Amino acid sequence: MGSPGLRPLLLVLLDCCASVSAQAAATPPVTTEGFNSTEAAWMTLRPALSPRPPGTPKAPGPFSGPRPTPVTDVAALCVCDLSPAQCDVNCCCDPDCSPVDFSVFSACSVPSVTGDSQFCSQKAAIYSLNFTANPPQRIFKLVDQINPSIFCIHITNYKPALSFINPEVPDENNFDKLMETSDGFSLNSESEISFTIQSDAPDTAKYEYGVRLQTSDSFLRFPSPLTSSLCTDDNPAAFLVNQAVKCTRRINLAQCEEIEALGMAYYSSPKILRVPGLRTKAEIPITVQSILMESLNKTLARLEDTDVLNQTLIEAGDVKICTNVVLEVKYSLTYTDAGEITKADLSLLLGTVSSAMLPLEQKFEIRFIQQNTKPVPLSGNPGYVVGLPLAAGFQPQKGSGIIQTMNRYGQLTILRSTAEKDCLALEGIRTPVLFGYDMQSGCKLRLTKAITCQLAVQKVKSLLKGHGFPDYVAPFGNSRAQDVLDWVPIHFITQAPHMKDSCQLPVALVIEVKWTKYGSLLNPQAKIVNVTANLIASSFPEVRLT
């Protein structure tokens, strides 16, 4: 037999978990959308406290109003099924358990699974064991459970309360109404993006983040307010930097025909280079997709023709008005993962301007869409919805926006368990952190004498954190990437005992997410207020790892 110092070390990572806790009054937990048995094996389906998600089912009462289609089947949920392809002790709903396993059960750890506890009547899945049978049998009942509280929801006659309220988007039908109820436009920029203009920067074979978009004669201009609310036309549009700004112009209405920035051609005529530096057969024209015309009384009309219109001065005595003036500009640029621009679309709002509208306010927006990709769904609007992934990302440089992966289920993840429980086989296999769920996973790592302490620490830390651990988490499910100051930073903490001649090996990563109810009491929204990632290490004799 070899000495104890040369024996392989079997390390069990028990506590790679993510916890979502609520800063709110305690209420019974609610169940949410279930997963099949193979997926449920790697997580604890134990939702944390949260507002009721849209469409949570309840048993219809005699006076119930119309209800949405149920999305939660309590009969299909098994919140104690933690081990894949194995029977969990005292888990009566585990499909992997047989009558032989029931003989060693003492009781059902989860005797019932219910829907939203706020309803007066709801479906409940009841589990029990018949120990008088030989072998013992599992008993399952799906019943209508009555809430004894006098403060419960009996009639769902207020449909807007069953889901989050979507913000009203201006269009030709509601624009006038929104203008009347609006408090006016802010003169400040909605984007806090800043970047350095480098006119002498060498040409590259592709666009990179923050690089200005080149055109056949210069660069794509994106008017913005810089030191004041006045528009600065020499501001360049930057690759992958989504922006939405407002600025004003002090103009002489009699000279409106001579001001280029008021004309449609100023924004539609540039030709963007597909990649920087290539000016031959690599120019992308800007295509006008739509033109809306706004009159002096704020009515809107969509023009069928997208030809270029020039601003025109009309005089009637002392009254001067200028028509076809650009009021809003929206660029939509399509790009590839190779850093090439493939398409440029433009939407315009033209209007008639009188002296009463001076100084003139203009709005500009630019957004980038990756080619052959679908828009990423939100995790809530605005508050998070239970069961949807947390939105997370990182900030590449100070002043830039938040960068997020296109895979919404890969932005904040933890290690995923499998039946083999081999850490080396699990590298790269992750599972997303879902809002409202407490999750736990783990694996076993066997370290031999050939692995040094430094290599083991690096390997285990990589397994726990995964690739590209984010810096920020979105406070709401619909938070915008450019609103960096609203995002919640992830506080990373390392806990390790200080022992001489020992190897401080990480054994657990605990992610704690704290949230609160925000907004109206009638329709509170889930908002994340704090995120902490705690990397816990244990001491092992140095001789065992060398």
Protein backbone atom coordinates (compact mmCIF):
# COMPACT_ATOMS: atom_id res chain seq x y z
CA MET A 1 0.00 0.00 0.00
CA GLY A 2 1.23 3.45 -0.83
CA SER A 3 1.48 6.24 1.66
CA PRO A 4 -1.67 8.30 2.36
CA GLY A 5 -0.08 11.29 0.67
CA LEU A 6 -0.06 9.54 -2.71
CA ARG A 7 -3.66 8.35 -2.70
CA PRO A 8 -6.05 9.97 -5.18
CA LEU A 9 -8.28 12.68 -3.76
CA LEU A 10 -12.03 12.35 -4.31
CA LEU A 11 -13.52 15.82 -4.16
CA VAL A 12 -17.29 16.18 -3.95
CA LEU A 13 -18.71 19.55 -4.99
CA LEU A 14 -21.94 19.65 -3.05
CA ASP A 15 -23.04 23.25 -3.06
CA CYS A 16 -23.07 24.78 -6.52
CA CYS A 17 -26.37 26.52 -6.20
CA ALA A 18 -28.38 29.61 -6.94
CA SER A 19 -30.83 31.04 -4.45
CA VAL A 20 -33.50 33.59 -5.23
CA SER A 21 -34.83 35.22 -2.08
CA ALA A 22 -37.45 37.90 -1.64
CA GLN A 23 -37.42 41.09 0.37
CA ALA A 24 -41.14 41.01 0.98
CA ALA A 25 -43.69 39.74 3.45
CA ALA A 26 -43.71 35.97 3.80
CA THR A 27 -46.35 34.17 1.77
CA PRO A 28 -46.66 30.48 0.91
CA PRO A 29 -44.55 29.44 -2.04
CA VAL A 30 -46.23 28.96 -5.40
CA THR A 31 -45.56 26.38 -8.03
CA THR A 32 -44.80 27.35 -11.60
CA GLU A 33 -44.29 25.65 -14.93
CA GLY A 34 -43.00 22.16 -14.54
CA PHE A 35 -40.30 20.25 -16.34
CA ASN A 36 -40.20 16.65 -17.45
CA SER A 37 -38.55 14.05 -15.26
CA THR A 38 -35.18 14.18 -16.99
CA GLU A 39 -34.94 17.94 -16.66
CA ALA A 40 -36.26 18.10 -13.12
CA ALA A 41 -33.41 15.91 -11.99
CA TRP A 42 -30.85 18.69 -11.93
CA MET A 43 -32.74 21.34 -10.03
CA THR A 44 -34.86 21.85 -6.97
CA LEU A 45 -38.21 23.07 -8.22
CA ARG A 46 -38.89 25.17 -5.19
CA PRO A 47 -40.07 28.61 -6.30
CA ALA A 48 -39.27 31.53 -4.07
CA LEU A 49 -41.73 34.15 -3.00
CA SER A 50 -42.98 36.16 -5.94
CA PRO A 51 -45.97 37.92 -7.39
CA ARG A 52 -48.41 35.64 -9.14
CA PRO A 53 -47.26 34.94 -12.72
CA PRO A 54 -49.68 35.51 -15.58
CA GLY A 55 -52.08 32.67 -16.25
CA THR A 56 -51.62 30.71 -13.01
CA PRO A 57 -54.50 28.20 -12.98
CA LYS A 58 -57.19 27.80 -10.39
CA ALA A 59 -60.25 25.63 -10.20
CA PRO A 60 -63.18 27.54 -11.67
CA GLY A 61 -65.77 28.48 -9.09
CA PRO A 62 -69.47 28.84 -9.74
CA PHE A 63 -69.13 32.61 -10.30
CA SER A 64 -65.72 32.75 -11.89
CA GLY A 65 -65.17 34.97 -14.89
CA PRO A 66 -63.17 34.05 -17.96
CA ARG A 67 -59.69 32.75 -17.21
CA PRO A 68 -56.60 32.47 -19.40
CA THR A 69 -55.37 29.13 -20.64
CA PRO A 70 -53.57 27.39 -17.73
CA VAL A 71 -49.81 27.09 -18.09
CA THR A 72 -49.19 25.16 -14.86
CA ASP A 73 -50.12 21.51 -14.48
CA VAL A 74 -49.69 20.68 -10.80
CA ALA A 75 -50.13 17.00 -11.57
CA ALA A 76 -46.96 17.06 -13.71
CA LEU A 77 -44.77 18.80 -11.12
CA CYS A 78 -42.45 16.91 -8.80
CA VAL A 79 -40.55 19.41 -6.71
CA CYS A 80 -38.54 16.85 -4.73
CA ASP A 81 -37.20 14.87 -7.71
CA LEU A 82 -33.51 15.86 -7.53
CA SER A 83 -31.56 12.82 -8.78
CA PRO A 84 -31.67 11.82 -12.44
CA ALA A 85 -32.78 8.22 -13.07
CA GLN A 86 -32.74 7.56 -9.32
CA CYS A 87 -35.39 7.39 -6.64
CA ASP A 88 -35.26 10.22 -4.10
CA VAL A 89 -36.11 9.07 -0.58
CA ASN A 90 -39.58 10.14 0.63
CA CYS A 91 -40.32 11.77 -2.74
CA CYS A 92 -43.71 10.23 -3.48
CA CYS A 93 -44.09 11.89 -6.88
CA ASP A 94 -40.69 10.70 -8.20
CA PRO A 95 -41.43 8.58 -11.31
CA ASP A 96 -38.18 6.63 -10.74
CA CYS A 97 -39.49 5.17 -7.46
CA SER A 98 -40.95 1.66 -7.40
CA PRO A 99 -43.11 -0.13 -4.83
CA VAL A 100 -39.90 -1.66 -3.43
CA ASP A 101 -38.57 1.86 -2.80
CA PHE A 102 -41.82 2.85 -1.09
CA SER A 103 -41.22 0.17 1.54
CA VAL A 104 -38.36 2.25 3.02
CA PHE A 105 -40.25 5.54 2.92
CA SER A 106 -41.34 7.06 6.22
CA ALA A 107 -43.68 9.70 4.73
CA CYS A 108 -44.07 11.95 1.69
CA SER A 109 -41.67 14.87 1.94
CA VAL A 110 -43.95 16.89 -0.35
CA PRO A 111 -47.51 15.73 0.35
CA SER A 112 -49.20 18.28 -1.92
CA VAL A 113 -48.43 20.58 -4.84
CA THR A 114 -50.75 23.53 -5.38
CA GLY A 115 -51.08 26.51 -7.68
CA ASP A 116 -51.51 30.12 -6.60
CA SER A 117 -52.47 30.33 -2.93
CA GLN A 118 -54.27 33.65 -3.46
CA PHE A 119 -57.29 31.96 -5.06
CA CYS A 120 -60.24 30.75 -3.01
CA SER A 121 -60.31 27.49 -4.97
CA GLN A 122 -57.52 25.83 -6.89
CA LYS A 123 -56.24 22.49 -8.12
CA ALA A 124 -53.99 20.49 -5.78
CA ALA A 125 -52.03 17.29 -6.37
CA ILE A 126 -52.15 15.18 -3.18
CA TYR A 127 -49.63 12.37 -2.54
CA SER A 128 -49.73 9.72 0.17
CA LEU A 129 -48.62 6.13 0.81
CA ASN A 130 -50.66 3.03 1.61
CA PHE A 131 -48.40 1.09 3.98
CA THR A 132 -51.04 -1.60 4.55
CA ALA A 133 -50.54 -2.89 1.02
CA ASN A 134 -47.74 -5.35 0.30
CA PRO A 135 -45.66 -3.85 -1.15
CA PRO A 136 -46.67 -0.28 -0.20
CA GLN A 137 -48.50 1.66 -2.89
CA ARG A 138 -48.44 5.33 -3.88
CA ILE A 139 -51.79 7.18 -3.76
CA PHE A 140 -52.34 10.19 -6.00
CA LYS A 141 -55.37 12.50 -6.01
CA LEU A 142 -56.10 15.65 -7.98
CA VAL A 143 -58.60 17.65 -5.94
CA ASP A 144 -60.10 21.13 -5.71
CA GLN A 145 -58.57 22.75 -2.67
CA ILE A 146 -60.50 25.44 -0.78
CA ASN A 147 -58.64 28.40 0.72
CA PRO A 148 -59.97 28.98 4.26
CA SER A 149 -58.86 32.62 4.29
CA ILE A 150 -61.56 35.27 3.83
CA PHE A 151 -59.04 37.35 1.89
CA CYS A 152 -58.81 35.37 -1.33
CA ILE A 153 -59.55 35.86 -5.00
CA HIS A 154 -62.93 34.41 -5.92
CA ILE A 155 -63.93 36.09 -9.18
CA THR A 156 -61.32 37.01 -11.79
CA ASN A 157 -63.28 39.80 -13.41
CA TYR A 158 -60.37 42.22 -13.80
CA LYS A 159 -58.51 40.85 -16.80
CA PRO A 160 -55.57 43.36 -16.79
CA ALA A 161 -54.56 42.07 -13.34
CA LEU A 162 -53.90 38.61 -14.78
CA SER A 163 -50.84 39.75 -16.74
CA PHE A 164 -48.26 42.47 -16.96
CA ILE A 165 -49.40 45.63 -18.71
CA ASN A 166 -47.54 46.23 -21.95
CA PRO A 167 -46.55 49.85 -22.59
CA GLU A 168 -48.53 51.56 -25.33
CA VAL A 169 -46.42 52.03 -28.46
CA PRO A 170 -47.12 55.18 -30.48
CA ASP A 171 -48.60 54.65 -33.93
CA GLU A 172 -50.75 56.58 -36.37
CA ASN A 173 -53.90 55.71 -34.39
CA ASN A 174 -52.89 56.72 -30.87
CA PHE A 175 -50.17 59.31 -31.47
CA ASP A 176 -52.43 62.31 -30.84
CA LYS A 177 -53.74 60.85 -27.59
CA LEU A 178 -50.23 60.11 -26.31
CA MET A 179 -49.06 63.59 -27.25
CA GLU A 180 -51.88 65.12 -25.19
CA THR A 181 -51.13 63.02 -22.10
CA SER A 182 -47.36 63.33 -22.41
CA ASP A 183 -45.43 65.77 -20.23
CA GLY A 184 -43.19 66.56 -23.16
CA PHE A 185 -39.84 65.29 -24.31
CA SER A 186 -36.65 65.41 -22.33
CA LEU A 187 -33.81 67.42 -23.77
CA ASN A 188 -31.25 65.00 -22.42
CA SER A 189 -29.80 62.01 -24.21
CA GLU A 190 -31.34 58.62 -23.43
CA SER A 191 -28.03 57.00 -24.14
CA GLU A 192 -24.95 57.39 -22.00
CA ILE A 193 -22.73 55.72 -24.53
CA SER A 194 -19.43 57.43 -25.22
CA PHE A 195 -16.53 56.43 -27.34
CA THR A 196 -13.34 57.91 -28.76
CA ILE A 197 -13.21 59.01 -32.39
CA GLN A 198 -9.98 57.85 -33.97
CA SER A 199 -9.69 59.33 -37.43
CA ASP A 200 -6.25 57.85 -37.96
CA ALA A 201 -7.19 54.32 -36.85
CA PRO A 202 -5.97 51.64 -39.25
CA ASP A 203 -8.51 49.87 -41.42
CA THR A 204 -9.49 46.35 -40.31
CA ALA A 205 -11.17 43.48 -42.11
CA LYS A 206 -14.26 43.72 -39.92
CA TYR A 207 -16.18 46.07 -37.69
CA GLU A 208 -15.55 45.76 -33.97
CA TYR A 209 -17.55 47.03 -31.04
CA GLY A 210 -17.47 50.83 -30.78
CA VAL A 211 -15.80 51.38 -34.17
CA ARG A 212 -17.48 54.14 -36.17
CA LEU A 213 -19.41 53.10 -39.27
CA GLN A 214 -17.64 54.19 -42.43
CA THR A 215 -19.37 55.44 -45.57
CA SER A 216 -18.11 55.91 -49.11
CA ASP A 217 -17.05 59.50 -48.37
CA SER A 218 -16.72 59.70 -44.57
CA PHE A 219 -18.70 58.12 -41.72
CA LEU A 220 -22.36 57.63 -40.88
CA ARG A 221 -23.48 60.71 -38.95
CA PHE A 222 -25.74 60.26 -35.94
CA PRO A 223 -26.75 63.68 -34.55
CA SER A 224 -26.59 63.78 -30.77
CA PRO A 225 -26.52 66.31 -27.92
CA LEU A 226 -23.04 66.53 -26.47
CA THR A 227 -22.26 69.50 -24.21
CA SER A 228 -25.81 70.89 -24.45
CA SER A 229 -29.21 69.94 -25.83
CA LEU A 230 -28.24 71.24 -29.29
CA CYS A 231 -27.70 68.67 -32.04
CA THR A 232 -24.10 67.94 -33.03
CA ASP A 233 -24.03 66.54 -36.57
CA ASP A 234 -20.39 65.39 -36.51
CA ASN A 235 -21.12 62.61 -34.03
CA PRO A 236 -20.46 59.20 -35.70
CA ALA A 237 -22.61 56.09 -35.33
CA ALA A 238 -20.67 53.26 -33.67
CA PHE A 239 -20.88 49.54 -34.46
CA LEU A 240 -23.14 47.56 -32.07
CA VAL A 241 -23.86 50.69 -30.00
CA ASN A 242 -27.65 51.02 -29.82
CA GLN A 243 -28.66 54.60 -29.15
CA ALA A 244 -31.81 56.69 -28.81
CA VAL A 245 -31.34 60.43 -28.38
CA LYS A 246 -33.22 63.73 -28.61
CA CYS A 247 -31.74 67.11 -29.45
CA THR A 248 -32.85 70.54 -30.57
CA ARG A 249 -31.94 72.89 -33.43
CA ARG A 250 -32.09 76.66 -33.46
CA ILE A 251 -32.94 77.51 -37.04
CA ASN A 252 -34.11 80.42 -39.13
CA LEU A 253 -37.33 79.18 -40.68
CA ALA A 254 -36.77 81.30 -43.77
CA GLN A 255 -33.59 79.31 -44.48
CA CYS A 256 -35.01 75.84 -43.82
CA GLU A 257 -34.45 74.75 -47.45
CA GLU A 258 -30.71 75.35 -47.07
CA ILE A 259 -30.22 73.32 -43.88
CA GLU A 260 -29.10 69.80 -44.85
CA ALA A 261 -29.91 68.22 -41.48
CA LEU A 262 -33.59 69.01 -41.99
CA GLY A 263 -33.79 67.13 -45.28
CA MET A 264 -34.52 63.49 -45.92
CA ALA A 265 -31.57 63.06 -48.29
CA TYR A 266 -29.10 63.87 -45.51
CA TYR A 267 -29.97 60.57 -43.80
CA SER A 268 -30.87 58.34 -46.76
CA SER A 269 -28.13 59.14 -49.27
CA PRO A 270 -24.97 57.81 -47.46
CA LYS A 271 -23.69 54.39 -48.48
CA ILE A 272 -22.25 52.35 -45.62
CA LEU A 273 -19.13 50.25 -46.22
CA ARG A 274 -19.73 46.55 -45.64
CA VAL A 275 -16.39 46.35 -43.82
CA PRO A 276 -14.02 49.18 -42.94
CA GLY A 277 -11.61 50.30 -45.64
CA LEU A 278 -13.19 48.49 -48.64
CA ARG A 279 -14.74 51.03 -51.00
CA THR A 280 -15.10 48.87 -54.11
CA LYS A 281 -18.22 46.74 -54.52
CA ALA A 282 -18.77 46.77 -50.79
CA GLU A 283 -21.17 49.67 -50.30
CA ILE A 284 -24.52 49.07 -48.60
CA PRO A 285 -27.19 51.61 -49.61
CA ILE A 286 -29.67 52.84 -47.03
CA THR A 287 -33.19 51.67 -47.91
CA VAL A 288 -36.12 53.81 -46.84
CA GLN A 289 -38.69 51.42 -45.41
CA SER A 290 -41.40 53.83 -44.30
CA ILE A 291 -42.26 57.54 -44.22
CA LEU A 292 -44.83 59.00 -41.87
CA MET A 293 -46.08 62.54 -42.47
CA GLU A 294 -47.19 64.69 -39.53
CA SER A 295 -49.34 67.77 -40.08
CA LEU A 296 -49.51 70.93 -37.97
CA ASN A 297 -52.48 69.49 -36.05
CA LYS A 298 -50.42 66.35 -35.23
CA THR A 299 -52.31 63.95 -37.49
CA LEU A 300 -50.22 61.23 -39.12
CA ALA A 301 -50.38 59.78 -42.61
CA ARG A 302 -48.26 57.02 -44.11
CA LEU A 303 -46.82 57.73 -47.54
CA GLU A 304 -46.95 54.93 -50.09
CA ASP A 305 -44.02 56.34 -52.04
CA THR A 306 -40.57 56.32 -50.42
CA ASP A 307 -38.87 58.69 -52.86
CA VAL A 308 -36.72 61.46 -51.42
CA LEU A 309 -38.70 64.57 -50.47
CA ASN A 310 -37.03 67.96 -50.11
CA GLN A 311 -38.06 70.45 -47.45
CA THR A 312 -40.08 73.34 -48.88
CA LEU A 313 -40.71 76.84 -47.49
CA ILE A 314 -44.26 78.16 -47.85
CA GLU A 315 -45.06 81.80 -47.18
CA ALA A 316 -48.52 83.30 -46.79
CA GLY A 317 -48.13 86.92 -45.80
CA ASP A 318 -46.27 87.03 -42.49
CA VAL A 319 -46.80 83.33 -41.86
CA LYS A 320 -43.96 80.98 -42.78
CA ILE A 321 -44.05 77.20 -42.57
CA CYS A 322 -41.59 74.58 -43.77
CA THR A 323 -42.87 71.20 -45.00
CA ASN A 324 -41.15 67.80 -45.30
CA VAL A 325 -38.87 68.53 -42.35
CA VAL A 326 -37.26 65.47 -40.69
CA LEU A 327 -38.56 65.05 -37.13
CA GLU A 328 -37.55 61.45 -36.35
CA VAL A 329 -34.91 59.13 -37.79
CA LYS A 330 -34.67 55.40 -37.06
CA TYR A 331 -31.82 53.30 -38.45
CA SER A 332 -31.97 49.50 -38.38
CA LEU A 333 -28.68 47.86 -39.38
CA THR A 334 -28.22 44.14 -39.96
CA TYR A 335 -24.80 42.62 -39.33
CA THR A 336 -23.11 39.21 -39.38
CA ASP A 337 -21.06 37.54 -36.67
CA ALA A 338 -18.02 38.23 -38.87
CA GLY A 339 -18.44 41.98 -38.29
CA GLU A 340 -19.95 42.89 -41.67
CA ILE A 341 -22.88 45.19 -42.39
CA THR A 342 -25.31 43.47 -44.76
CA LYS A 343 -28.39 45.69 -44.71
CA ALA A 344 -29.36 49.23 -43.68
CA ASP A 345 -33.01 50.28 -43.25
CA LEU A 346 -34.37 53.71 -42.48
CA SER A 347 -37.73 54.89 -41.11
CA LEU A 348 -38.58 58.60 -41.10
CA LEU A 349 -41.14 60.92 -39.59
CA LEU A 350 -41.52 64.11 -41.63
CA GLY A 351 -43.55 67.07 -40.54
CA THR A 352 -44.58 70.65 -41.11
CA VAL A 353 -42.82 73.18 -38.89
CA SER A 354 -44.04 76.63 -37.96
CA SER A 355 -42.36 79.38 -35.98
CA ALA A 356 -44.31 78.26 -32.90
CA MET A 357 -42.42 74.95 -32.92
CA LEU A 358 -38.96 76.54 -32.68
CA PRO A 359 -36.45 75.58 -31.46
CA LEU A 360 -37.03 72.36 -33.40
CA GLU A 361 -36.67 69.03 -31.59
CA GLN A 362 -35.51 65.92 -33.45
CA LYS A 363 -35.26 62.29 -32.34
CA PHE A 364 -32.69 59.81 -33.57
CA GLU A 365 -32.45 56.06 -32.98
CA ILE A 366 -30.11 53.36 -34.24
CA ARG A 367 -30.21 49.65 -33.46
CA PHE A 368 -28.27 46.64 -34.67
CA ILE A 369 -29.79 43.24 -35.49
CA GLN A 370 -27.68 40.14 -36.05
CA GLN A 371 -28.36 38.34 -39.30
CA ASN A 372 -30.35 35.08 -39.19
CA THR A 373 -31.33 35.54 -35.57
CA LYS A 374 -34.66 36.02 -33.90
CA PRO A 375 -35.35 38.79 -31.37
CA VAL A 376 -34.51 37.67 -27.85
CA PRO A 377 -37.71 37.32 -25.76
CA LEU A 378 -37.92 39.28 -22.53
CA SER A 379 -37.88 37.71 -19.07
CA GLY A 380 -40.66 40.05 -17.98
CA ASN A 381 -42.30 43.34 -18.90
CA PRO A 382 -41.26 45.03 -16.77
CA GLY A 383 -40.94 42.75 -13.73
CA TYR A 384 -39.41 39.27 -13.89
CA VAL A 385 -41.72 36.29 -14.45
CA VAL A 386 -41.16 33.16 -12.36
CA GLY A 387 -39.40 30.44 -14.33
CA LEU A 388 -37.73 32.71 -16.90
CA PRO A 389 -33.93 33.17 -16.99
CA LEU A 390 -32.15 36.09 -15.39
CA ALA A 391 -30.84 38.63 -17.91
CA ALA A 392 -27.13 39.26 -17.36
CA GLY A 393 -24.09 40.55 -19.19
CA PHE A 394 -20.79 42.36 -18.89
CA GLN A 395 -19.44 45.82 -19.62
CA PRO A 396 -16.37 45.62 -21.89
CA GLN A 397 -15.22 49.13 -21.11
CA LYS A 398 -16.26 52.09 -19.00
CA GLY A 399 -18.94 54.14 -20.71
CA SER A 400 -20.13 51.32 -22.98
CA GLY A 401 -23.41 49.46 -22.81
CA ILE A 402 -24.03 45.98 -21.43
CA ILE A 403 -23.05 43.14 -23.77
CA GLN A 404 -25.26 40.04 -23.61
CA THR A 405 -25.04 36.69 -25.37
CA MET A 406 -27.82 35.97 -27.85
CA ASN A 407 -28.64 32.79 -25.88
CA ARG A 408 -30.93 34.09 -23.13
CA TYR A 409 -30.53 30.78 -21.25
CA GLY A 410 -26.74 31.16 -21.16
CA GLN A 411 -26.32 34.61 -19.62
CA LEU A 412 -26.14 33.50 -15.95
CA THR A 413 -25.66 29.77 -15.37
CA ILE A 414 -24.53 27.20 -12.83
CA LEU A 415 -23.08 23.72 -13.18
CA ARG A 416 -25.56 21.11 -14.37
CA SER A 417 -25.74 17.69 -12.71
CA THR A 418 -25.92 14.44 -14.63
CA ALA A 419 -26.33 10.80 -13.64
CA GLU A 420 -22.56 10.20 -13.97
CA LYS A 421 -21.73 13.07 -11.55
CA ASP A 422 -18.28 13.37 -13.17
CA CYS A 423 -17.03 16.97 -13.02
CA LEU A 424 -14.60 16.53 -15.91
CA ALA A 425 -17.41 15.21 -18.12
CA LEU A 426 -19.62 18.15 -17.13
CA GLU A 427 -17.28 20.91 -18.31
CA GLY A 428 -19.30 23.26 -20.47
CA ILE A 429 -22.65 21.69 -19.47
CA ARG A 430 -24.55 24.47 -17.72
CA THR A 431 -28.10 25.24 -16.65
CA PRO A 432 -29.59 28.74 -16.43
CA VAL A 433 -30.46 30.52 -13.22
CA LEU A 434 -34.25 30.93 -13.34
CA PHE A 435 -36.09 33.64 -11.46
CA GLY A 436 -38.06 32.31 -8.50
CA TYR A 437 -36.30 28.92 -8.32
CA ASP A 438 -33.85 27.65 -5.72
CA MET A 439 -31.47 25.35 -7.59
CA GLN A 440 -28.67 23.04 -6.48
CA SER A 441 -26.29 20.83 -8.42
CA GLY A 442 -23.00 19.05 -7.85
CA CYS A 443 -20.45 16.58 -9.13
CA LYS A 444 -17.41 14.56 -8.08
CA LEU A 445 -13.83 15.36 -9.08
CA ARG A 446 -11.04 12.83 -8.61
CA LEU A 447 -7.61 14.44 -8.30
CA THR A 448 -4.43 12.38 -8.64
CA LYS A 449 -0.90 13.04 -7.47
CA ALA A 450 0.02 14.34 -10.93
CA ILE A 451 -2.25 17.40 -10.52
CA THR A 452 -0.71 20.38 -8.75
CA CYS A 453 -2.65 22.58 -6.36
CA GLN A 454 -2.55 25.57 -8.72
CA LEU A 455 -3.89 23.51 -11.63
CA ALA A 456 -6.62 21.97 -9.47
CA VAL A 457 -7.76 25.40 -8.22
CA GLN A 458 -7.88 26.77 -11.74
CA LYS A 459 -9.81 23.74 -13.02
CA VAL A 460 -12.40 23.73 -10.23
CA LYS A 461 -12.96 27.49 -10.42
CA SER A 462 -13.55 27.20 -14.17
CA LEU A 463 -16.08 24.40 -13.57
CA LEU A 464 -18.00 26.41 -10.97
CA LYS A 465 -18.06 29.78 -12.74
CA GLY A 466 -18.25 28.58 -16.32
CA HIS A 467 -17.13 30.57 -19.34
CA GLY A 468 -17.79 34.30 -19.33
CA PHE A 469 -19.25 34.83 -15.84
CA PRO A 470 -21.25 38.10 -16.07
CA ASP A 471 -20.63 41.34 -14.21
CA TYR A 472 -24.19 42.68 -14.12
CA VAL A 473 -27.78 41.44 -13.80
CA ALA A 474 -30.76 43.30 -15.22
CA PRO A 475 -33.05 44.71 -12.49
CA PHE A 476 -36.15 44.06 -14.62
CA GLY A 477 -36.96 41.50 -17.27
CA ASN A 478 -37.07 44.20 -19.95
CA SER A 479 -34.10 46.35 -18.90
CA ARG A 480 -32.25 47.96 -21.77
CA ALA A 481 -28.55 47.29 -22.30
CA GLN A 482 -27.71 50.99 -22.65
CA ASP A 483 -29.14 51.88 -19.22
CA VAL A 484 -25.98 50.71 -17.45
CA LEU A 485 -26.58 52.65 -14.23
CA ASP A 486 -29.82 50.74 -13.65
CA TRP A 487 -28.17 47.31 -13.85
CA VAL A 488 -27.27 45.48 -10.62
CA PRO A 489 -23.57 44.60 -10.22
CA ILE A 490 -22.69 41.07 -9.12
CA HIS A 491 -20.69 41.16 -5.89
CA PHE A 492 -18.14 38.34 -6.07
CA ILE A 493 -16.86 37.12 -2.69
CA THR A 494 -14.23 34.47 -2.01
CA GLN A 495 -14.21 32.64 1.33
CA ALA A 496 -11.17 30.51 2.18
CA PRO A 497 -9.66 29.38 5.51
CA HIS A 498 -6.08 30.40 6.15
CA MET A 499 -4.08 27.30 6.98
CA LYS A 500 -0.36 26.86 6.53
CA ASP A 501 0.92 24.29 3.98
CA SER A 502 -2.55 23.62 2.61
CA CYS A 503 -4.27 23.96 -0.75
CA GLN A 504 -7.25 26.31 -0.79
CA LEU A 505 -9.49 24.45 -3.22
CA PRO A 506 -12.89 25.92 -4.26
CA VAL A 507 -15.71 23.49 -3.49
CA ALA A 508 -18.87 25.59 -3.87
CA LEU A 509 -20.29 28.61 -5.68
CA VAL A 510 -23.37 30.07 -4.02
CA ILE A 511 -25.31 32.71 -5.98
CA GLU A 512 -27.85 34.67 -3.97
CA VAL A 513 -30.38 36.88 -5.77
CA LYS A 514 -32.46 39.31 -3.70
CA TRP A 515 -35.57 40.87 -5.16
CA THR A 516 -38.44 43.01 -4.05
CA LYS A 517 -41.94 43.95 -5.16
CA TYR A 518 -41.90 47.26 -7.02
CA GLY A 519 -44.66 49.57 -8.19
CA SER A 520 -48.39 49.53 -7.61
CA LEU A 521 -49.90 47.28 -4.96
CA LEU A 522 -52.50 46.20 -7.51
CA ASN A 523 -49.87 44.96 -9.95
CA PRO A 524 -46.45 44.73 -8.23
CA GLN A 525 -43.45 43.96 -10.38
CA ALA A 526 -40.49 41.77 -9.41
CA LYS A 527 -37.28 43.81 -9.32
CA ILE A 528 -33.81 42.44 -8.55
CA VAL A 529 -31.93 44.64 -6.06
CA ASN A 530 -28.82 42.64 -5.14
CA VAL A 531 -26.80 39.70 -6.48
CA THR A 532 -23.95 38.02 -4.60
CA ALA A 533 -21.71 35.20 -5.85
CA ASN A 534 -19.87 33.50 -2.98
CA LEU A 535 -16.96 31.20 -3.92
CA ILE A 536 -16.26 28.93 -0.95
CA ALA A 537 -12.95 27.11 -0.63
CA SER A 538 -11.75 24.36 1.71
CA SER A 539 -8.26 23.47 2.88
CA PHE A 540 -6.63 20.23 1.77
CA PRO A 541 -3.13 19.03 2.68
CA GLU A 542 -0.69 20.29 0.06
CA VAL A 543 1.06 16.91 -0.05
CA ARG A 544 -2.12 15.21 -1.35
CA LEU A 545 -2.16 17.32 -4.50
CA THR A 546 1.53 17.15 -5.42
